Each structure stands twice: as C-alpha cells, then as structure tokens.
Amino acid sequence: MASQAADDDLQASKTEGFKVGEKKTVEEYAKLDQNDESLNRWKASLGISSSPAIPVDPKDQRRCVIKSLALEVEGRPDFTIDLTAPGSVEALKTKPFTIKEGAKFRMKANFVVQHDVLSGLKYLQVTKRKGIRVAKTEEMIGSFAPNTEEKSVYEKKFEPDEAPSGMLARGHYDAASKFADDDGHDYLKFDWSFDIAKDWK
C-alpha cells in the first residue's frame, strides 16, 4: 500500500483536453517542410541537426539516461551525484545531505537522449516529513532530439528554491523523485533524504 501511495503522489498533473501529438522519427522531423523558417527554428530548438548522433548501446533501449544530479548553491562547490556509478541511486536514501536553513539553491541534471526524440521530459518530486507530505514539485524540462557529437549531453538547471528556516523547519526530510515523459515512461525513479540544519556540514 505504501508503494502504491508513493506512485500516486508522483503522478504528473494532466492538462484538460491535451493529447500527445503523433510520433515521428528524427529523420522524419528533419525532412519536415525544410523551407519553412519558423519550423526550422523549432527543429533547431529541439536539437535536430545534421551533426552525427553519439554512439549508443543498441541493447539499452532507454530514450533518456540521467547521468548526474547536482545541488547548486551560490558561493559553494556543487554537490554532485554521479548516477552512472554503481550503487549511487541506492545510496541517496541512506546517505542524507545537509542544506543550511534559508539557503538559496537549485538542482541541475545532466542527461543524454538516445534513439529517438524525447517528448515532454519532466521532473516530479514529493517531499515528506515524519510521513506527512509537505511539498510536491513538478518541473517541465522539455523535448529533445537525440544527442549528437556537437551536443553530447544536455544540462537542465531547475528553478531556484529556498530552504525553509526556523526551529520548526529544521530536521530530517524524505523525498521521492522521478523523471518521466509525456508518454508515461519513467526514466529514473529514486528515494532520497536530506536534513535542514542551522549550518552547512
């Protein structure tokens, strides 16, 4: 039941009447109305170009691979988690990190898109304290073409955030997060935890 509740918490919001458009391959997008200037600008915004695609493992059918997550705080070195390292995702839950109360920060993610165009990648997060949900975040990241030799990795910096402050805000928090797309595919789902404290550790 607890797992089902967590899954329900991490559902993306739905826009009334919205339907995912017809899927096309990168080659089909590239050939679309090549003389249409506005369409060409849109294709460029997706990253569709003539640059060769990066090599991918044909056995790895994921359309999106999240390579790393980082916490960016002004005046401090980034706290970065290399998600390609064995055991890194599992360690997120058992090794909480500390955020100073009132600190301004933002998350950023590095990821690779492979095989085909990725439509509507988004980040979802539910934060709980002592089992009670205190926050839900949903951030649209966007749509992307497969990475190329010219653009080998994508980086997304999330909206700035501020840690809560005060005696009641200090303590331990648990969070569940996932990266998913408009087609309902989950690319990374993980539990993690953090502490709000009077100062950095």
N, C-alpha and C. Protein backbone atom coordinates (compact mmCIF):
# COMPACT_ATOMS: atom_id res chain seq x y z
N MET A 1 0.83 -1.21 0.00
CA MET A 1 0.00 0.00 0.00
C MET A 1 0.86 1.25 0.00
N ALA A 2 1.97 1.26 0.79
CA ALA A 2 2.84 2.43 0.87
C ALA A 2 3.45 2.73 -0.48
N SER A 3 3.85 1.68 -1.18
CA SER A 3 4.46 1.85 -2.51
C SER A 3 3.44 2.43 -3.48
N GLN A 4 2.19 1.96 -3.41
CA GLN A 4 1.13 2.47 -4.29
C GLN A 4 0.86 3.94 -4.01
N ALA A 5 0.88 4.32 -2.71
CA ALA A 5 0.65 5.72 -2.34
C ALA A 5 1.76 6.61 -2.90
N ALA A 6 3.00 6.11 -2.83
CA ALA A 6 4.13 6.88 -3.36
C ALA A 6 3.99 7.05 -4.87
N ASP A 7 3.56 5.99 -5.56
CA ASP A 7 3.35 6.06 -7.01
C ASP A 7 2.28 7.09 -7.35
N ASP A 8 1.20 7.12 -6.56
CA ASP A 8 0.12 8.07 -6.79
C ASP A 8 0.60 9.50 -6.58
N ASP A 9 1.43 9.71 -5.56
CA ASP A 9 1.99 11.04 -5.28
C ASP A 9 2.81 11.57 -6.45
N LEU A 10 3.48 10.67 -7.15
CA LEU A 10 4.40 11.07 -8.22
C LEU A 10 3.76 11.10 -9.60
N GLN A 11 2.43 11.19 -9.65
CA GLN A 11 1.76 11.31 -10.94
C GLN A 11 1.81 12.76 -11.40
N ALA A 12 2.11 12.95 -12.70
CA ALA A 12 2.15 14.30 -13.26
C ALA A 12 0.74 14.85 -13.38
N SER A 13 0.60 16.17 -13.28
CA SER A 13 -0.71 16.79 -13.46
C SER A 13 -1.14 16.68 -14.92
N LYS A 14 -2.43 16.63 -15.15
CA LYS A 14 -2.97 16.49 -16.50
C LYS A 14 -3.58 17.81 -16.97
N THR A 15 -3.35 18.16 -18.23
CA THR A 15 -3.98 19.34 -18.81
C THR A 15 -5.22 18.89 -19.56
N GLU A 16 -6.36 19.45 -19.19
CA GLU A 16 -7.64 19.06 -19.80
C GLU A 16 -7.61 19.25 -21.31
N GLY A 17 -7.94 18.18 -22.02
CA GLY A 17 -8.00 18.27 -23.48
C GLY A 17 -6.69 18.07 -24.20
N PHE A 18 -5.57 17.97 -23.43
CA PHE A 18 -4.27 17.80 -24.07
C PHE A 18 -4.08 16.38 -24.56
N LYS A 19 -3.60 16.24 -25.81
CA LYS A 19 -3.27 14.93 -26.36
C LYS A 19 -1.86 14.96 -26.90
N VAL A 20 -1.11 13.90 -26.62
CA VAL A 20 0.25 13.79 -27.14
C VAL A 20 0.18 13.69 -28.65
N GLY A 21 0.99 14.48 -29.35
CA GLY A 21 0.96 14.50 -30.81
C GLY A 21 1.49 13.23 -31.44
N GLU A 22 1.32 13.14 -32.74
CA GLU A 22 1.79 11.99 -33.50
C GLU A 22 3.30 11.88 -33.41
N LYS A 23 3.79 10.67 -33.18
CA LYS A 23 5.22 10.44 -33.05
C LYS A 23 5.88 10.38 -34.42
N LYS A 24 7.06 10.99 -34.50
CA LYS A 24 7.86 10.94 -35.73
C LYS A 24 9.29 10.63 -35.36
N THR A 25 10.03 10.04 -36.30
CA THR A 25 11.44 9.78 -36.07
C THR A 25 12.22 11.07 -36.29
N VAL A 26 13.50 11.06 -35.88
CA VAL A 26 14.36 12.23 -36.09
C VAL A 26 14.46 12.54 -37.57
N GLU A 27 14.58 11.50 -38.40
CA GLU A 27 14.70 11.70 -39.85
C GLU A 27 13.44 12.34 -40.41
N GLU A 28 12.28 11.92 -39.92
CA GLU A 28 11.02 12.50 -40.40
C GLU A 28 10.90 13.96 -40.00
N TYR A 29 11.31 14.28 -38.76
CA TYR A 29 11.28 15.68 -38.33
C TYR A 29 12.23 16.53 -39.19
N ALA A 30 13.42 15.99 -39.45
CA ALA A 30 14.42 16.73 -40.21
C ALA A 30 13.94 17.08 -41.62
N LYS A 31 13.11 16.20 -42.21
CA LYS A 31 12.64 16.41 -43.58
C LYS A 31 11.37 17.27 -43.65
N LEU A 32 10.76 17.54 -42.49
CA LEU A 32 9.51 18.31 -42.49
C LEU A 32 9.72 19.72 -43.03
N ASP A 33 9.00 20.09 -44.08
CA ASP A 33 8.96 21.47 -44.59
C ASP A 33 10.29 22.20 -44.42
N GLN A 34 11.30 21.72 -45.11
CA GLN A 34 12.65 22.26 -44.93
C GLN A 34 12.76 23.73 -45.30
N ASN A 35 11.80 24.27 -46.05
CA ASN A 35 11.85 25.68 -46.43
C ASN A 35 11.04 26.57 -45.49
N ASP A 36 10.44 25.97 -44.47
CA ASP A 36 9.64 26.74 -43.51
C ASP A 36 10.58 27.25 -42.41
N GLU A 37 10.81 28.56 -42.39
CA GLU A 37 11.80 29.14 -41.46
C GLU A 37 11.40 28.94 -40.00
N SER A 38 10.12 29.15 -39.67
CA SER A 38 9.69 29.00 -38.28
C SER A 38 9.78 27.55 -37.83
N LEU A 39 9.46 26.62 -38.73
CA LEU A 39 9.56 25.21 -38.40
C LEU A 39 11.03 24.81 -38.22
N ASN A 40 11.90 25.37 -39.04
CA ASN A 40 13.33 25.08 -38.90
C ASN A 40 13.86 25.59 -37.56
N ARG A 41 13.36 26.76 -37.11
CA ARG A 41 13.77 27.27 -35.80
C ARG A 41 13.29 26.34 -34.69
N TRP A 42 12.06 25.83 -34.84
CA TRP A 42 11.52 24.90 -33.84
C TRP A 42 12.36 23.62 -33.79
N LYS A 43 12.73 23.11 -34.98
CA LYS A 43 13.55 21.88 -35.02
C LYS A 43 14.92 22.13 -34.38
N ALA A 44 15.46 23.33 -34.62
CA ALA A 44 16.76 23.67 -34.01
C ALA A 44 16.64 23.74 -32.49
N SER A 45 15.48 24.22 -31.98
CA SER A 45 15.29 24.30 -30.53
C SER A 45 15.23 22.92 -29.90
N LEU A 46 14.81 21.91 -30.67
CA LEU A 46 14.80 20.53 -30.19
C LEU A 46 16.18 19.91 -30.23
N GLY A 47 17.08 20.53 -30.99
CA GLY A 47 18.42 19.97 -31.13
C GLY A 47 18.58 19.10 -32.35
N ILE A 48 17.59 19.16 -33.28
CA ILE A 48 17.70 18.37 -34.51
C ILE A 48 18.67 19.05 -35.45
N SER A 49 19.75 18.37 -35.77
CA SER A 49 20.78 18.96 -36.62
C SER A 49 21.38 17.88 -37.50
N SER A 50 22.30 18.30 -38.35
CA SER A 50 22.96 17.36 -39.26
C SER A 50 24.18 16.71 -38.63
N SER A 51 24.51 17.10 -37.39
CA SER A 51 25.66 16.52 -36.70
C SER A 51 25.40 15.04 -36.41
N PRO A 52 26.42 14.17 -36.55
CA PRO A 52 26.22 12.73 -36.30
C PRO A 52 25.77 12.45 -34.86
N ALA A 53 24.90 11.46 -34.71
CA ALA A 53 24.44 11.07 -33.38
C ALA A 53 25.58 10.44 -32.59
N ILE A 54 25.53 10.57 -31.26
CA ILE A 54 26.54 9.93 -30.42
C ILE A 54 26.33 8.42 -30.46
N PRO A 55 27.40 7.64 -30.29
CA PRO A 55 27.25 6.18 -30.28
C PRO A 55 26.43 5.73 -29.06
N VAL A 56 25.54 4.77 -29.24
CA VAL A 56 24.74 4.25 -28.13
C VAL A 56 24.78 2.73 -28.15
N ASP A 57 24.55 2.17 -26.99
CA ASP A 57 24.47 0.71 -26.86
C ASP A 57 23.11 0.26 -27.40
N PRO A 58 23.06 -0.52 -28.47
CA PRO A 58 21.77 -0.95 -29.02
C PRO A 58 20.94 -1.77 -28.04
N LYS A 59 21.58 -2.36 -27.03
CA LYS A 59 20.85 -3.14 -26.03
C LYS A 59 20.15 -2.24 -25.01
N ASP A 60 20.59 -1.00 -24.93
CA ASP A 60 20.00 -0.04 -23.98
C ASP A 60 18.89 0.72 -24.70
N GLN A 61 17.65 0.31 -24.47
CA GLN A 61 16.52 0.89 -25.20
C GLN A 61 15.94 2.14 -24.54
N ARG A 62 16.53 2.61 -23.45
CA ARG A 62 16.05 3.83 -22.82
C ARG A 62 16.19 5.00 -23.77
N ARG A 63 15.19 5.86 -23.79
CA ARG A 63 15.26 7.05 -24.64
C ARG A 63 16.00 8.18 -23.92
N CYS A 64 16.02 8.12 -22.58
CA CYS A 64 16.68 9.15 -21.79
C CYS A 64 17.48 8.49 -20.68
N VAL A 65 18.73 8.93 -20.51
CA VAL A 65 19.61 8.41 -19.45
C VAL A 65 20.05 9.61 -18.60
N ILE A 66 19.63 9.62 -17.33
CA ILE A 66 20.04 10.69 -16.42
C ILE A 66 21.45 10.36 -15.91
N LYS A 67 22.40 11.21 -16.24
CA LYS A 67 23.81 10.93 -15.92
C LYS A 67 24.20 11.42 -14.53
N SER A 68 23.72 12.60 -14.15
CA SER A 68 24.10 13.13 -12.84
C SER A 68 23.07 14.15 -12.35
N LEU A 69 23.04 14.30 -11.04
CA LEU A 69 22.23 15.33 -10.39
C LEU A 69 23.16 16.16 -9.51
N ALA A 70 22.88 17.45 -9.41
CA ALA A 70 23.72 18.31 -8.59
C ALA A 70 22.89 19.34 -7.86
N LEU A 71 23.36 19.74 -6.69
CA LEU A 71 22.77 20.82 -5.92
C LEU A 71 23.70 22.02 -6.07
N GLU A 72 23.18 23.10 -6.62
CA GLU A 72 23.98 24.29 -6.91
C GLU A 72 23.62 25.38 -5.89
N VAL A 73 24.62 25.81 -5.12
CA VAL A 73 24.44 26.86 -4.12
C VAL A 73 25.48 27.94 -4.38
N GLU A 74 25.02 29.18 -4.46
CA GLU A 74 25.95 30.28 -4.74
C GLU A 74 27.03 30.37 -3.67
N GLY A 75 28.29 30.44 -4.12
CA GLY A 75 29.41 30.57 -3.20
C GLY A 75 29.92 29.27 -2.63
N ARG A 76 29.33 28.15 -3.05
CA ARG A 76 29.77 26.84 -2.57
C ARG A 76 29.96 25.91 -3.76
N PRO A 77 30.87 24.94 -3.64
CA PRO A 77 31.03 23.98 -4.74
C PRO A 77 29.77 23.14 -4.90
N ASP A 78 29.47 22.76 -6.13
CA ASP A 78 28.29 21.92 -6.37
C ASP A 78 28.41 20.59 -5.64
N PHE A 79 27.29 20.13 -5.10
CA PHE A 79 27.21 18.78 -4.55
C PHE A 79 26.66 17.90 -5.66
N THR A 80 27.53 17.07 -6.28
CA THR A 80 27.15 16.32 -7.47
C THR A 80 27.12 14.83 -7.20
N ILE A 81 26.09 14.17 -7.73
CA ILE A 81 25.95 12.72 -7.62
C ILE A 81 26.07 12.12 -9.01
N ASP A 82 27.08 11.31 -9.20
CA ASP A 82 27.28 10.63 -10.48
C ASP A 82 26.39 9.39 -10.50
N LEU A 83 25.31 9.45 -11.24
CA LEU A 83 24.33 8.36 -11.24
C LEU A 83 24.77 7.17 -12.08
N THR A 84 25.89 7.30 -12.79
CA THR A 84 26.42 6.16 -13.54
C THR A 84 27.27 5.26 -12.66
N ALA A 85 27.62 5.73 -11.45
CA ALA A 85 28.45 4.94 -10.54
C ALA A 85 27.60 3.85 -9.89
N PRO A 86 28.12 2.61 -9.78
CA PRO A 86 27.35 1.52 -9.16
C PRO A 86 26.92 1.87 -7.74
N GLY A 87 25.65 1.62 -7.43
CA GLY A 87 25.14 1.85 -6.08
C GLY A 87 24.80 3.30 -5.76
N SER A 88 25.00 4.21 -6.71
CA SER A 88 24.80 5.64 -6.41
C SER A 88 23.34 5.97 -6.12
N VAL A 89 22.42 5.36 -6.88
CA VAL A 89 20.99 5.65 -6.67
C VAL A 89 20.54 5.11 -5.32
N GLU A 90 20.97 3.90 -4.98
CA GLU A 90 20.58 3.28 -3.70
C GLU A 90 21.13 4.09 -2.52
N ALA A 91 22.31 4.68 -2.68
CA ALA A 91 22.94 5.42 -1.59
C ALA A 91 22.24 6.73 -1.28
N LEU A 92 21.43 7.23 -2.21
CA LEU A 92 20.76 8.51 -2.00
C LEU A 92 19.85 8.49 -0.77
N LYS A 93 19.21 7.36 -0.52
CA LYS A 93 18.26 7.28 0.59
C LYS A 93 18.96 7.11 1.93
N THR A 94 20.06 6.38 1.93
CA THR A 94 20.73 6.05 3.19
C THR A 94 21.80 7.07 3.59
N LYS A 95 22.17 7.97 2.69
CA LYS A 95 23.19 8.97 3.00
C LYS A 95 22.64 10.38 2.75
N PRO A 96 21.86 10.89 3.72
CA PRO A 96 21.27 12.22 3.53
C PRO A 96 22.34 13.31 3.50
N PHE A 97 22.05 14.37 2.75
CA PHE A 97 22.96 15.52 2.76
C PHE A 97 22.30 16.67 3.49
N THR A 98 23.09 17.66 3.87
CA THR A 98 22.60 18.77 4.69
C THR A 98 22.45 20.03 3.86
N ILE A 99 21.33 20.73 4.08
CA ILE A 99 21.10 22.04 3.48
C ILE A 99 20.92 23.05 4.61
N LYS A 100 21.63 24.15 4.53
CA LYS A 100 21.51 25.18 5.57
C LYS A 100 20.15 25.86 5.46
N GLU A 101 19.50 26.06 6.60
CA GLU A 101 18.19 26.70 6.61
C GLU A 101 18.26 28.07 5.92
N GLY A 102 17.26 28.37 5.12
CA GLY A 102 17.21 29.66 4.44
C GLY A 102 18.11 29.79 3.23
N ALA A 103 18.90 28.74 2.94
CA ALA A 103 19.83 28.81 1.81
C ALA A 103 19.08 28.82 0.48
N LYS A 104 19.58 29.61 -0.46
CA LYS A 104 19.02 29.62 -1.82
C LYS A 104 19.82 28.63 -2.67
N PHE A 105 19.12 27.76 -3.37
CA PHE A 105 19.79 26.71 -4.13
C PHE A 105 18.95 26.36 -5.34
N ARG A 106 19.52 25.54 -6.23
CA ARG A 106 18.73 24.93 -7.29
C ARG A 106 19.38 23.63 -7.71
N MET A 107 18.57 22.75 -8.22
CA MET A 107 19.07 21.48 -8.71
C MET A 107 19.40 21.60 -10.19
N LYS A 108 20.30 20.75 -10.64
CA LYS A 108 20.54 20.66 -12.08
C LYS A 108 20.81 19.21 -12.44
N ALA A 109 20.43 18.85 -13.64
CA ALA A 109 20.57 17.47 -14.10
C ALA A 109 21.29 17.44 -15.44
N ASN A 110 22.17 16.49 -15.60
CA ASN A 110 22.81 16.21 -16.88
C ASN A 110 22.23 14.91 -17.42
N PHE A 111 21.82 14.92 -18.68
CA PHE A 111 21.20 13.71 -19.23
C PHE A 111 21.48 13.60 -20.72
N VAL A 112 21.31 12.37 -21.21
CA VAL A 112 21.53 12.07 -22.63
C VAL A 112 20.24 11.50 -23.20
N VAL A 113 19.91 11.94 -24.42
CA VAL A 113 18.76 11.41 -25.15
C VAL A 113 19.29 10.55 -26.29
N GLN A 114 18.71 9.38 -26.45
CA GLN A 114 19.20 8.46 -27.48
C GLN A 114 18.05 7.79 -28.22
N HIS A 115 18.34 7.30 -29.40
CA HIS A 115 17.42 6.55 -30.26
C HIS A 115 16.39 7.41 -30.98
N ASP A 116 15.67 8.28 -30.24
CA ASP A 116 14.55 9.00 -30.86
C ASP A 116 14.27 10.29 -30.09
N VAL A 117 13.39 11.12 -30.65
CA VAL A 117 13.02 12.38 -30.00
C VAL A 117 12.32 12.08 -28.67
N LEU A 118 12.71 12.81 -27.63
CA LEU A 118 12.11 12.68 -26.30
C LEU A 118 11.10 13.81 -26.14
N SER A 119 9.86 13.45 -25.83
CA SER A 119 8.78 14.44 -25.77
C SER A 119 8.34 14.71 -24.34
N GLY A 120 8.44 15.97 -23.93
CA GLY A 120 7.89 16.41 -22.64
C GLY A 120 8.51 15.77 -21.42
N LEU A 121 9.86 15.80 -21.32
CA LEU A 121 10.51 15.29 -20.12
C LEU A 121 10.19 16.21 -18.95
N LYS A 122 9.85 15.61 -17.81
CA LYS A 122 9.54 16.40 -16.63
C LYS A 122 10.12 15.74 -15.39
N TYR A 123 10.30 16.56 -14.34
CA TYR A 123 10.82 16.09 -13.06
C TYR A 123 9.73 16.25 -12.01
N LEU A 124 9.47 15.18 -11.27
CA LEU A 124 8.45 15.19 -10.22
C LEU A 124 9.10 14.85 -8.88
N GLN A 125 8.69 15.56 -7.84
CA GLN A 125 9.26 15.30 -6.50
C GLN A 125 8.21 15.51 -5.43
N VAL A 126 8.15 14.56 -4.51
CA VAL A 126 7.29 14.68 -3.34
C VAL A 126 8.17 14.63 -2.10
N THR A 127 8.01 15.62 -1.22
CA THR A 127 8.82 15.71 -0.01
C THR A 127 7.92 15.47 1.21
N LYS A 128 8.40 14.61 2.12
CA LYS A 128 7.63 14.29 3.33
C LYS A 128 8.50 14.49 4.58
N ARG A 129 7.81 14.82 5.66
CA ARG A 129 8.47 14.90 6.96
C ARG A 129 7.63 14.12 7.95
N LYS A 130 8.25 13.12 8.56
CA LYS A 130 7.56 12.23 9.50
C LYS A 130 6.32 11.61 8.86
N GLY A 131 6.46 11.27 7.56
CA GLY A 131 5.40 10.58 6.85
C GLY A 131 4.31 11.48 6.28
N ILE A 132 4.38 12.78 6.54
CA ILE A 132 3.35 13.71 6.07
C ILE A 132 3.90 14.52 4.90
N ARG A 133 3.15 14.57 3.81
CA ARG A 133 3.61 15.31 2.64
C ARG A 133 3.63 16.81 2.92
N VAL A 134 4.78 17.44 2.67
CA VAL A 134 4.91 18.88 2.92
C VAL A 134 5.11 19.67 1.63
N ALA A 135 5.44 18.98 0.53
CA ALA A 135 5.64 19.69 -0.73
C ALA A 135 5.58 18.73 -1.90
N LYS A 136 5.11 19.24 -3.04
CA LYS A 136 5.16 18.50 -4.30
C LYS A 136 5.67 19.44 -5.38
N THR A 137 6.66 19.00 -6.13
CA THR A 137 7.26 19.80 -7.19
C THR A 137 7.08 19.10 -8.52
N GLU A 138 6.73 19.87 -9.53
CA GLU A 138 6.66 19.35 -10.89
C GLU A 138 7.32 20.37 -11.81
N GLU A 139 8.40 19.99 -12.44
CA GLU A 139 9.14 20.92 -13.30
C GLU A 139 9.25 20.36 -14.71
N MET A 140 8.76 21.12 -15.68
CA MET A 140 8.88 20.71 -17.08
C MET A 140 10.31 20.98 -17.55
N ILE A 141 10.92 19.98 -18.13
CA ILE A 141 12.29 20.12 -18.64
C ILE A 141 12.27 20.40 -20.14
N GLY A 142 11.42 19.68 -20.89
CA GLY A 142 11.27 19.98 -22.31
C GLY A 142 11.37 18.77 -23.20
N SER A 143 11.40 19.04 -24.52
CA SER A 143 11.52 17.99 -25.54
C SER A 143 12.88 18.12 -26.21
N PHE A 144 13.48 16.98 -26.54
CA PHE A 144 14.86 16.99 -27.04
C PHE A 144 15.07 15.93 -28.10
N ALA A 145 15.92 16.26 -29.07
CA ALA A 145 16.36 15.29 -30.06
C ALA A 145 17.51 14.47 -29.46
N PRO A 146 17.83 13.31 -30.04
CA PRO A 146 18.98 12.54 -29.55
C PRO A 146 20.25 13.38 -29.60
N ASN A 147 21.11 13.15 -28.61
CA ASN A 147 22.37 13.90 -28.55
C ASN A 147 23.25 13.58 -29.75
N THR A 148 24.06 14.55 -30.11
CA THR A 148 24.96 14.43 -31.26
C THR A 148 26.40 14.69 -30.81
N GLU A 149 27.33 14.49 -31.74
CA GLU A 149 28.73 14.78 -31.43
C GLU A 149 28.91 16.27 -31.10
N GLU A 150 28.07 17.09 -31.71
CA GLU A 150 28.13 18.53 -31.47
C GLU A 150 27.56 18.90 -30.09
N LYS A 151 26.55 18.16 -29.65
CA LYS A 151 25.92 18.38 -28.35
C LYS A 151 25.79 17.02 -27.67
N SER A 152 26.83 16.64 -26.92
CA SER A 152 26.92 15.26 -26.41
C SER A 152 26.12 15.03 -25.13
N VAL A 153 25.72 16.11 -24.45
CA VAL A 153 24.95 15.96 -23.22
C VAL A 153 24.09 17.21 -23.04
N TYR A 154 22.93 17.03 -22.42
CA TYR A 154 22.06 18.17 -22.09
C TYR A 154 22.19 18.48 -20.60
N GLU A 155 22.09 19.76 -20.26
CA GLU A 155 22.06 20.17 -18.85
C GLU A 155 20.82 21.01 -18.61
N LYS A 156 20.09 20.68 -17.57
CA LYS A 156 18.91 21.45 -17.18
C LYS A 156 19.10 21.99 -15.78
N LYS A 157 19.02 23.32 -15.65
CA LYS A 157 19.04 23.96 -14.34
C LYS A 157 17.61 24.26 -13.94
N PHE A 158 17.20 23.76 -12.78
CA PHE A 158 15.84 23.92 -12.32
C PHE A 158 15.62 25.33 -11.77
N GLU A 159 14.36 25.65 -11.50
CA GLU A 159 14.03 26.95 -10.92
C GLU A 159 14.67 27.08 -9.53
N PRO A 160 15.18 28.28 -9.19
CA PRO A 160 15.77 28.47 -7.85
C PRO A 160 14.76 28.18 -6.75
N ASP A 161 15.27 27.71 -5.62
CA ASP A 161 14.43 27.37 -4.47
C ASP A 161 15.10 27.90 -3.22
N GLU A 162 14.36 27.91 -2.13
CA GLU A 162 14.91 28.37 -0.85
C GLU A 162 14.53 27.39 0.24
N ALA A 163 15.52 26.97 1.02
CA ALA A 163 15.25 26.03 2.12
C ALA A 163 14.45 26.72 3.21
N PRO A 164 13.54 26.00 3.86
CA PRO A 164 12.79 26.61 4.97
C PRO A 164 13.73 26.95 6.12
N SER A 165 13.30 27.83 6.97
CA SER A 165 14.16 28.22 8.09
C SER A 165 13.34 28.29 9.38
N GLY A 166 14.05 28.31 10.48
CA GLY A 166 13.40 28.36 11.79
C GLY A 166 13.47 27.01 12.49
N MET A 167 13.28 27.04 13.79
CA MET A 167 13.42 25.83 14.61
C MET A 167 12.48 24.72 14.15
N LEU A 168 11.25 25.07 13.76
CA LEU A 168 10.28 24.04 13.37
C LEU A 168 10.62 23.41 12.02
N ALA A 169 11.36 24.14 11.20
CA ALA A 169 11.70 23.63 9.86
C ALA A 169 12.91 22.70 9.90
N ARG A 170 13.75 22.84 10.92
CA ARG A 170 14.96 22.01 10.98
C ARG A 170 14.60 20.56 11.23
N GLY A 171 15.40 19.66 10.63
CA GLY A 171 15.16 18.25 10.84
C GLY A 171 15.34 17.44 9.57
N HIS A 172 14.85 16.21 9.62
CA HIS A 172 15.06 15.25 8.55
C HIS A 172 13.85 15.20 7.62
N TYR A 173 14.12 15.12 6.31
CA TYR A 173 13.08 15.05 5.30
C TYR A 173 13.35 13.87 4.37
N ASP A 174 12.29 13.22 3.92
CA ASP A 174 12.39 12.15 2.93
C ASP A 174 11.72 12.61 1.65
N ALA A 175 12.30 12.23 0.53
CA ALA A 175 11.74 12.64 -0.76
C ALA A 175 11.72 11.47 -1.73
N ALA A 176 10.76 11.51 -2.64
CA ALA A 176 10.68 10.55 -3.74
C ALA A 176 10.64 11.36 -5.02
N SER A 177 11.43 10.97 -6.01
CA SER A 177 11.54 11.74 -7.25
C SER A 177 11.53 10.82 -8.45
N LYS A 178 11.13 11.39 -9.60
CA LYS A 178 11.27 10.64 -10.84
C LYS A 178 11.33 11.59 -12.03
N PHE A 179 11.95 11.10 -13.09
CA PHE A 179 11.97 11.76 -14.39
C PHE A 179 11.07 10.93 -15.31
N ALA A 180 10.11 11.58 -15.96
CA ALA A 180 9.17 10.88 -16.83
C ALA A 180 8.86 11.75 -18.04
N ASP A 181 8.26 11.14 -19.08
CA ASP A 181 7.92 11.92 -20.27
C ASP A 181 6.42 11.93 -20.53
N ASP A 182 6.01 12.61 -21.59
CA ASP A 182 4.59 12.73 -21.92
C ASP A 182 3.94 11.39 -22.25
N ASP A 183 4.76 10.41 -22.65
CA ASP A 183 4.23 9.10 -23.00
C ASP A 183 4.06 8.20 -21.78
N GLY A 184 4.40 8.71 -20.60
CA GLY A 184 4.25 7.92 -19.39
C GLY A 184 5.41 7.01 -19.08
N HIS A 185 6.55 7.18 -19.78
CA HIS A 185 7.73 6.37 -19.50
C HIS A 185 8.52 7.00 -18.35
N ASP A 186 8.89 6.18 -17.37
CA ASP A 186 9.74 6.62 -16.26
C ASP A 186 11.20 6.28 -16.60
N TYR A 187 12.08 7.28 -16.47
CA TYR A 187 13.48 7.06 -16.82
C TYR A 187 14.39 6.93 -15.60
N LEU A 188 13.96 7.52 -14.51
CA LEU A 188 14.71 7.36 -13.26
C LEU A 188 13.75 7.65 -12.12
N LYS A 189 13.71 6.73 -11.18
CA LYS A 189 12.83 6.88 -10.01
C LYS A 189 13.64 6.52 -8.79
N PHE A 190 13.65 7.40 -7.79
CA PHE A 190 14.52 7.14 -6.65
C PHE A 190 14.00 7.83 -5.39
N ASP A 191 14.37 7.25 -4.25
CA ASP A 191 14.10 7.84 -2.93
C ASP A 191 15.39 8.45 -2.41
N TRP A 192 15.27 9.55 -1.71
CA TRP A 192 16.45 10.19 -1.14
C TRP A 192 16.05 10.96 0.11
N SER A 193 17.01 11.51 0.81
CA SER A 193 16.70 12.23 2.04
C SER A 193 17.71 13.36 2.28
N PHE A 194 17.27 14.32 3.08
CA PHE A 194 18.15 15.45 3.40
C PHE A 194 17.77 16.00 4.76
N ASP A 195 18.68 16.76 5.33
CA ASP A 195 18.46 17.40 6.64
C ASP A 195 18.54 18.92 6.46
N ILE A 196 17.62 19.64 7.09
CA ILE A 196 17.70 21.09 7.18
C ILE A 196 18.36 21.41 8.52
N ALA A 197 19.47 22.13 8.50
CA ALA A 197 20.22 22.41 9.72
C ALA A 197 20.57 23.89 9.83
N LYS A 198 21.10 24.30 10.99
CA LYS A 198 21.44 25.70 11.22
C LYS A 198 22.60 26.13 10.33
N ASP A 199 23.46 25.16 9.96
CA ASP A 199 24.62 25.50 9.14
C ASP A 199 25.00 24.31 8.26
N TRP A 200 25.86 24.59 7.27
CA TRP A 200 26.35 23.52 6.40
C TRP A 200 27.26 22.59 7.17
N LYS A 201 27.28 21.34 6.76
CA LYS A 201 28.21 20.37 7.39
C LYS A 201 29.22 19.92 6.37
